[in-house]
Amino acid sequence: MSDVMQAARYLAYGGPDMVVIEQRPIPAPKQGEVLVQVRAAPVTAGDVRLRSGNVPRGMGLLLRAVIGWRRPRVLPGWGFAGQVVGLGAGATQLAIGQRVFGIKGFAGAAHAEYLTIKADGAILPTPDSLTDAEAAAFFFGGLTAAEFLIDKAQLQAGQRVLIAGATGAVGSAAVQIAAHLGAEVTALAAPRNHDLARRLGAVAVQDYAASPPNGPFDVIVDVMGTYPWARARPLLAQGGGLCMITADLPASLAAALRPRKEGRRRMAGTSSESRAKMQRLIALHQAGAYRPLVGQTLPFDQLPRAHGMAQTFHKVGNLIVQMRAP
């Protein structure tokens, strides 16, 4: 194995050309860590926002205060799928050669040919039922969808659910999980994706650009911020809830300070990346409730192009970059 790898970094806040791939030494696993050879990684909405600095209203100063004023100090890449190729001292939870997938999270560094991560951290064995591309896509949309539908909205069988943005990474997971829970799903998507939404589990599908569908709905999942409270409120049943996956600062504060309004609920916030939530999502997959939707895949050296595609926020499913074969 060579002692150098291809890895991405951000030059500054800006367009897709601000993410570059360069040579870097392969990291050595420290105490309790494993070295993973990355096979595939998603390019997520979160990756795009960190690179561009383009975040929901009111979040920009908070973002730069955390990751850097002039350029992102974090490295690119939220999630990964690969194979264990090295063990640090005391890393007994995983074995050399084992397929794994996991989350590097906010600090990044998954857009690289190799990465290190705590063996007892956000990394788990990959089920044989998943390809490397599916494993890379697994956690981003799935964790968010499960958190909002199961934990926040407490979705029940027989309830009516509207999912706005139903065929992206989060929306496609939400349609599947909601249908598995026994909900009646109405999906909003571009006409070219209507058949896909039905295959995912929607019983009704409508063009997202058309007039709002007939309510009432017990739960509305607003993936991209197109159904804020003022627009969602007339469609919500008494006791219903609005899941704001992409919420600006005023909406997030409103949900935190006054979660119940006019007999309805407002839910925002981030999803947990704990091992327990990761394991729950794997259990949902094994029960036939969820399979990540992989859209386009690109070679790793086209990472800037992948960022350009992802920043439209109109991609189907998950966008994946694949590293070179070993």
Protein backbone atom coordinates (compact mmCIF):
# COMPACT_ATOMS: atom_id res chain seq x y z
CA MET A 1 0.00 0.00 0.00
CA SER A 2 1.31 3.45 -0.91
CA ASP A 3 1.86 5.95 1.88
CA VAL A 4 -0.12 8.70 0.12
CA MET A 5 -3.76 9.02 -0.87
CA GLN A 6 -6.10 11.27 -2.78
CA ALA A 7 -8.14 13.46 -0.43
CA ALA A 8 -10.35 16.52 -0.76
CA ARG A 9 -10.17 19.88 0.96
CA TYR A 10 -11.90 23.26 0.72
CA LEU A 11 -9.97 26.25 -0.60
CA ALA A 12 -12.56 28.78 0.57
CA TYR A 13 -16.30 29.34 0.73
CA GLY A 14 -17.74 29.44 -2.75
CA GLY A 15 -18.67 27.35 -5.76
CA PRO A 16 -17.88 23.73 -6.59
CA ASP A 17 -14.39 24.71 -7.75
CA MET A 18 -13.57 25.49 -4.11
CA VAL A 19 -13.32 21.77 -3.38
CA VAL A 20 -10.09 20.26 -4.68
CA ILE A 21 -8.45 16.84 -4.56
CA GLU A 22 -4.81 16.60 -3.61
CA GLN A 23 -2.28 14.10 -2.33
CA ARG A 24 -2.02 13.67 1.41
CA PRO A 25 -0.29 11.12 3.67
CA ILE A 26 -2.46 8.17 4.62
CA PRO A 27 -3.34 8.65 8.31
CA ALA A 28 -2.19 6.09 10.88
CA PRO A 29 -4.87 4.78 13.27
CA LYS A 30 -4.34 5.92 16.85
CA GLN A 31 -5.32 4.16 20.07
CA GLY A 32 -8.79 2.68 19.63
CA GLU A 33 -9.08 3.70 15.96
CA VAL A 34 -9.37 1.80 12.70
CA LEU A 35 -8.06 2.72 9.27
CA VAL A 36 -10.73 2.42 6.59
CA GLN A 37 -10.10 2.26 2.86
CA VAL A 38 -13.06 4.21 1.52
CA ARG A 39 -14.96 2.65 -1.36
CA ALA A 40 -17.77 5.19 -1.72
CA ALA A 41 -19.06 8.36 -0.09
CA PRO A 42 -22.18 10.50 -0.47
CA VAL A 43 -22.16 14.14 -1.52
CA THR A 44 -24.92 15.52 0.68
CA ALA A 45 -26.81 18.77 1.08
CA GLY A 46 -24.76 19.26 4.23
CA ASP A 47 -21.51 18.96 2.26
CA VAL A 48 -22.78 21.58 -0.17
CA ARG A 49 -23.76 24.00 2.61
CA LEU A 50 -20.40 23.69 4.37
CA ARG A 51 -18.52 24.33 1.14
CA SER A 52 -20.69 27.19 -0.09
CA GLY A 53 -21.65 28.83 3.19
CA ASN A 54 -25.16 29.00 1.71
CA VAL A 55 -27.33 28.04 4.68
CA PRO A 56 -30.91 28.83 5.74
CA ARG A 57 -31.64 32.41 6.80
CA GLY A 58 -30.00 33.40 10.05
CA MET A 59 -27.60 30.43 10.17
CA GLY A 60 -24.66 31.96 8.26
CA LEU A 61 -22.92 33.69 11.15
CA LEU A 62 -23.38 30.63 13.35
CA LEU A 63 -21.84 28.41 10.69
CA ARG A 64 -18.79 30.60 10.19
CA ALA A 65 -18.28 31.07 13.92
CA VAL A 66 -18.01 27.30 14.25
CA ILE A 67 -16.05 26.24 11.16
CA GLY A 68 -14.20 29.38 10.07
CA TRP A 69 -14.84 32.97 8.95
CA ARG A 70 -12.87 33.00 5.69
CA ARG A 71 -12.85 29.33 4.73
CA PRO A 72 -14.19 26.06 6.13
CA ARG A 73 -11.68 24.59 8.57
CA VAL A 74 -13.38 21.21 8.35
CA LEU A 75 -12.57 18.64 5.67
CA PRO A 76 -15.07 17.49 3.02
CA GLY A 77 -17.12 14.34 3.43
CA TRP A 78 -19.88 13.42 5.90
CA GLY A 79 -20.37 9.67 5.41
CA PHE A 80 -18.53 6.69 3.98
CA ALA A 81 -18.52 3.00 3.12
CA GLY A 82 -15.38 0.93 2.84
CA GLN A 83 -13.21 -1.79 4.32
CA VAL A 84 -11.06 -1.97 7.43
CA VAL A 85 -7.38 -2.14 6.48
CA GLY A 86 -5.65 -1.17 9.72
CA LEU A 87 -6.17 -1.37 13.47
CA GLY A 88 -4.86 0.89 16.20
CA ALA A 89 -3.94 -0.48 19.59
CA GLY A 90 -7.03 -1.64 21.47
CA ALA A 91 -9.36 -1.49 18.46
CA THR A 92 -10.91 -4.91 18.94
CA GLN A 93 -14.48 -4.21 17.81
CA LEU A 94 -13.72 -4.63 14.09
CA ALA A 95 -11.44 -6.85 12.00
CA ILE A 96 -9.10 -6.37 9.06
CA GLY A 97 -10.98 -6.94 5.81
CA GLN A 98 -14.40 -6.24 7.30
CA ARG A 99 -16.83 -4.13 5.25
CA VAL A 100 -17.96 -1.12 7.24
CA PHE A 101 -20.02 2.04 6.85
CA GLY A 102 -20.41 5.05 9.03
CA ILE A 103 -20.42 8.77 9.67
CA LYS A 104 -17.55 11.22 10.02
CA GLY A 105 -20.10 13.93 10.61
CA PHE A 106 -19.47 17.64 10.94
CA ALA A 107 -15.67 17.35 11.10
CA GLY A 108 -15.66 15.56 7.73
CA ALA A 109 -12.69 13.85 6.04
CA ALA A 110 -14.73 11.09 4.37
CA HIS A 111 -13.99 12.40 0.88
CA ALA A 112 -10.65 10.66 0.83
CA GLU A 113 -9.30 7.26 -0.13
CA TYR A 114 -8.55 6.47 3.52
CA LEU A 115 -9.82 7.71 6.87
CA THR A 116 -9.45 6.91 10.54
CA ILE A 117 -12.32 6.67 13.02
CA LYS A 118 -12.86 5.37 16.55
CA ALA A 119 -13.73 1.68 16.41
CA ASP A 120 -16.52 2.23 18.94
CA GLY A 121 -17.73 5.41 17.23
CA ALA A 122 -20.14 6.00 14.36
CA ILE A 123 -19.03 2.97 12.36
CA LEU A 124 -20.73 -0.42 12.00
CA PRO A 125 -20.37 -3.58 9.90
CA THR A 126 -22.08 -3.29 6.52
CA PRO A 127 -24.94 -5.73 5.93
CA ASP A 128 -24.36 -8.06 2.98
CA SER A 129 -27.65 -6.79 1.53
CA LEU A 130 -26.10 -3.40 0.72
CA THR A 131 -23.73 -2.50 -2.10
CA ASP A 132 -20.92 -0.06 -1.33
CA ALA A 133 -22.88 2.76 -2.98
CA GLU A 134 -26.01 1.93 -0.97
CA ALA A 135 -23.96 1.69 2.22
CA ALA A 136 -22.46 5.12 1.55
CA ALA A 137 -25.96 6.52 1.02
CA PHE A 138 -27.50 4.71 3.96
CA PHE A 139 -27.34 7.09 6.90
CA PHE A 140 -27.78 10.63 5.59
CA GLY A 141 -31.42 10.58 4.54
CA GLY A 142 -32.43 7.57 6.61
CA LEU A 143 -31.37 8.92 10.00
CA THR A 144 -33.16 12.21 9.40
CA ALA A 145 -36.35 10.58 8.14
CA ALA A 146 -36.51 8.12 11.04
CA GLU A 147 -35.79 10.80 13.65
CA PHE A 148 -38.56 13.09 12.45
CA LEU A 149 -41.19 10.44 11.69
CA ILE A 150 -40.63 8.08 14.62
CA ASP A 151 -39.22 10.23 17.42
CA LYS A 152 -40.56 13.70 16.74
CA ALA A 153 -43.87 13.16 14.93
CA GLN A 154 -44.55 9.73 16.52
CA LEU A 155 -46.24 8.66 13.32
CA GLN A 156 -48.99 6.06 13.68
CA ALA A 157 -50.55 3.58 11.27
CA GLY A 158 -53.48 5.03 9.36
CA GLN A 159 -52.34 8.63 9.56
CA ARG A 160 -52.07 10.79 6.45
CA VAL A 161 -48.61 12.09 5.61
CA LEU A 162 -47.56 14.68 3.04
CA ILE A 163 -43.90 14.56 2.00
CA ALA A 164 -42.71 17.61 0.08
CA GLY A 165 -39.51 16.71 -1.75
CA ALA A 166 -40.24 12.99 -1.85
CA THR A 167 -37.51 11.64 -4.13
CA GLY A 168 -34.32 13.17 -2.74
CA ALA A 169 -32.11 11.55 -0.13
CA VAL A 170 -34.29 12.45 2.86
CA GLY A 171 -37.64 12.37 1.08
CA SER A 172 -37.16 8.92 -0.46
CA ALA A 173 -36.27 7.53 2.97
CA ALA A 174 -39.28 9.27 4.53
CA VAL A 175 -41.70 7.82 1.98
CA GLN A 176 -40.43 4.29 2.63
CA ILE A 177 -40.40 4.54 6.41
CA ALA A 178 -43.80 6.24 6.59
CA ALA A 179 -45.34 3.58 4.35
CA HIS A 180 -43.76 0.83 6.46
CA LEU A 181 -45.31 2.36 9.58
CA GLY A 182 -48.71 2.08 7.94
CA ALA A 183 -49.25 5.71 7.00
CA GLU A 184 -51.04 6.88 3.87
CA VAL A 185 -48.37 8.81 2.00
CA THR A 186 -48.93 11.66 -0.45
CA ALA A 187 -45.71 12.60 -2.24
CA LEU A 188 -44.84 15.89 -3.91
CA ALA A 189 -42.24 15.49 -6.65
CA ALA A 190 -41.39 16.52 -10.19
CA PRO A 191 -43.60 14.72 -12.74
CA ARG A 192 -40.65 12.68 -14.06
CA ASN A 193 -40.29 11.16 -10.57
CA HIS A 194 -43.93 10.27 -9.93
CA ASP A 195 -43.55 6.58 -10.79
CA LEU A 196 -40.51 6.40 -8.54
CA ALA A 197 -42.46 7.93 -5.63
CA ARG A 198 -45.15 5.31 -6.07
CA ARG A 199 -42.58 2.52 -6.09
CA LEU A 200 -41.18 3.89 -2.84
CA GLY A 201 -44.61 3.57 -1.22
CA ALA A 202 -46.66 6.71 -1.93
CA VAL A 203 -50.35 6.11 -2.58
CA ALA A 204 -50.87 9.56 -4.11
CA VAL A 205 -48.40 11.72 -6.02
CA GLN A 206 -48.64 15.34 -7.17
CA ASP A 207 -46.41 17.83 -8.96
CA TYR A 208 -44.57 19.88 -6.35
CA ALA A 209 -45.10 23.01 -8.47
CA ALA A 210 -48.91 22.61 -8.57
CA SER A 211 -51.41 23.95 -6.06
CA PRO A 212 -51.19 22.39 -2.58
CA PRO A 213 -52.95 19.03 -2.28
CA ASN A 214 -56.17 18.56 -0.38
CA GLY A 215 -55.68 18.03 3.33
CA PRO A 216 -55.97 17.55 6.11
CA PHE A 217 -52.72 15.74 6.86
CA ASP A 218 -51.64 14.43 10.23
CA VAL A 219 -47.97 15.01 9.40
CA ILE A 220 -46.26 17.19 6.81
CA VAL A 221 -42.59 16.51 6.10
CA ASP A 222 -41.07 19.63 4.53
CA VAL A 223 -37.68 18.56 3.23
CA MET A 224 -36.48 21.75 1.53
CA GLY A 225 -38.34 24.55 3.28
CA THR A 226 -41.08 24.91 0.65
CA TYR A 227 -43.88 24.41 3.19
CA PRO A 228 -43.22 26.86 6.03
CA TRP A 229 -45.77 27.21 8.82
CA ALA A 230 -47.96 29.74 7.00
CA ARG A 231 -48.34 27.44 4.01
CA ALA A 232 -48.53 24.17 5.94
CA ARG A 233 -50.96 25.31 8.64
CA PRO A 234 -54.14 25.16 6.47
CA LEU A 235 -53.26 21.60 5.43
CA LEU A 236 -52.66 20.24 8.94
CA ALA A 237 -55.31 18.36 10.87
CA GLN A 238 -56.02 19.32 14.48
CA GLY A 239 -53.21 17.79 16.50
CA GLY A 240 -51.09 17.36 13.37
CA GLY A 241 -47.43 18.22 13.06
CA LEU A 242 -45.06 19.97 10.66
CA CYS A 243 -41.60 18.41 10.35
CA MET A 244 -39.26 21.17 9.18
CA ILE A 245 -36.23 19.31 7.86
CA THR A 246 -34.70 22.51 6.45
CA ALA A 247 -35.61 25.37 8.77
CA ASP A 248 -34.17 28.86 9.01
CA LEU A 249 -33.25 30.40 12.35
CA PRO A 250 -36.63 32.10 13.02
CA ALA A 251 -38.52 28.87 12.28
CA SER A 252 -36.13 26.81 14.40
CA LEU A 253 -36.50 29.20 17.32
CA ALA A 254 -40.28 29.21 16.94
CA ALA A 255 -40.36 25.41 17.02
CA ALA A 256 -38.14 25.34 20.10
CA LEU A 257 -39.88 28.11 22.05
CA ARG A 258 -43.47 27.40 21.00
CA PRO A 259 -43.68 23.87 19.61
CA ARG A 260 -47.48 23.85 19.84
CA LYS A 261 -49.49 26.52 18.05
CA GLU A 262 -53.18 26.56 17.24
CA GLY A 263 -53.50 22.93 18.31
CA ARG A 264 -50.73 21.77 15.99
CA ARG A 265 -47.05 20.97 16.40
CA ARG A 266 -43.89 22.42 14.86
CA MET A 267 -40.78 20.25 14.83
CA ALA A 268 -37.27 21.22 13.78
CA GLY A 269 -33.70 20.47 14.81
CA THR A 270 -30.99 18.06 13.76
CA SER A 271 -31.08 14.27 13.82
CA SER A 272 -29.03 12.11 16.14
CA GLU A 273 -25.98 10.31 14.77
CA SER A 274 -25.69 7.94 17.72
CA ARG A 275 -24.86 4.28 17.26
CA ALA A 276 -28.26 3.40 18.71
CA LYS A 277 -30.04 5.40 15.99
CA MET A 278 -27.73 3.93 13.35
CA GLN A 279 -28.55 0.42 14.57
CA ARG A 280 -32.28 1.20 14.53
CA LEU A 281 -32.02 2.23 10.90
CA ILE A 282 -30.20 -1.00 10.06
CA ALA A 283 -33.03 -2.90 11.77
CA LEU A 284 -35.56 -1.03 9.62
CA HIS A 285 -33.59 -2.00 6.54
CA GLN A 286 -33.47 -5.64 7.60
CA ALA A 287 -37.25 -5.54 8.17
CA GLY A 288 -37.74 -4.39 4.57
CA ALA A 289 -38.73 -0.86 5.56
CA TYR A 290 -35.86 1.08 4.04
CA ARG A 291 -33.33 0.82 1.25
CA PRO A 292 -31.36 3.95 0.38
CA LEU A 293 -32.10 5.33 -3.05
CA VAL A 294 -28.91 5.75 -5.06
CA GLY A 295 -29.18 8.21 -7.92
CA GLN A 296 -26.06 9.07 -9.88
CA THR A 297 -22.59 7.79 -9.10
CA LEU A 298 -19.42 9.54 -10.21
CA PRO A 299 -15.73 8.71 -9.87
CA PHE A 300 -13.99 10.44 -6.99
CA ASP A 301 -11.95 12.68 -9.28
CA GLN A 302 -15.25 14.29 -10.36
CA LEU A 303 -16.06 15.45 -6.83
CA PRO A 304 -16.31 19.14 -7.89
CA ARG A 305 -18.84 18.15 -10.55
CA ALA A 306 -20.77 16.18 -7.93
CA HIS A 307 -20.90 19.30 -5.75
CA GLY A 308 -22.30 21.23 -8.71
CA MET A 309 -25.02 18.63 -9.18
CA ALA A 310 -25.85 18.45 -5.49
CA GLN A 311 -26.17 22.20 -5.03
CA THR A 312 -29.21 22.31 -7.32
CA PHE A 313 -31.09 20.47 -4.53
CA HIS A 314 -33.08 18.66 -7.24
CA LYS A 315 -31.10 15.42 -7.44
CA VAL A 316 -32.87 12.07 -7.28
CA GLY A 317 -31.92 10.02 -4.26
CA ASN A 318 -28.33 10.10 -3.08
CA LEU A 319 -25.38 11.27 -5.15
CA ILE A 320 -22.34 9.06 -4.63
CA VAL A 321 -18.65 9.33 -5.47
CA GLN A 322 -16.75 6.06 -5.80
CA MET A 323 -13.06 5.66 -5.10
CA ARG A 324 -10.65 3.62 -7.15
CA ALA A 325 -10.71 -0.14 -6.79
CA PRO A 326 -7.91 -1.40 -4.51
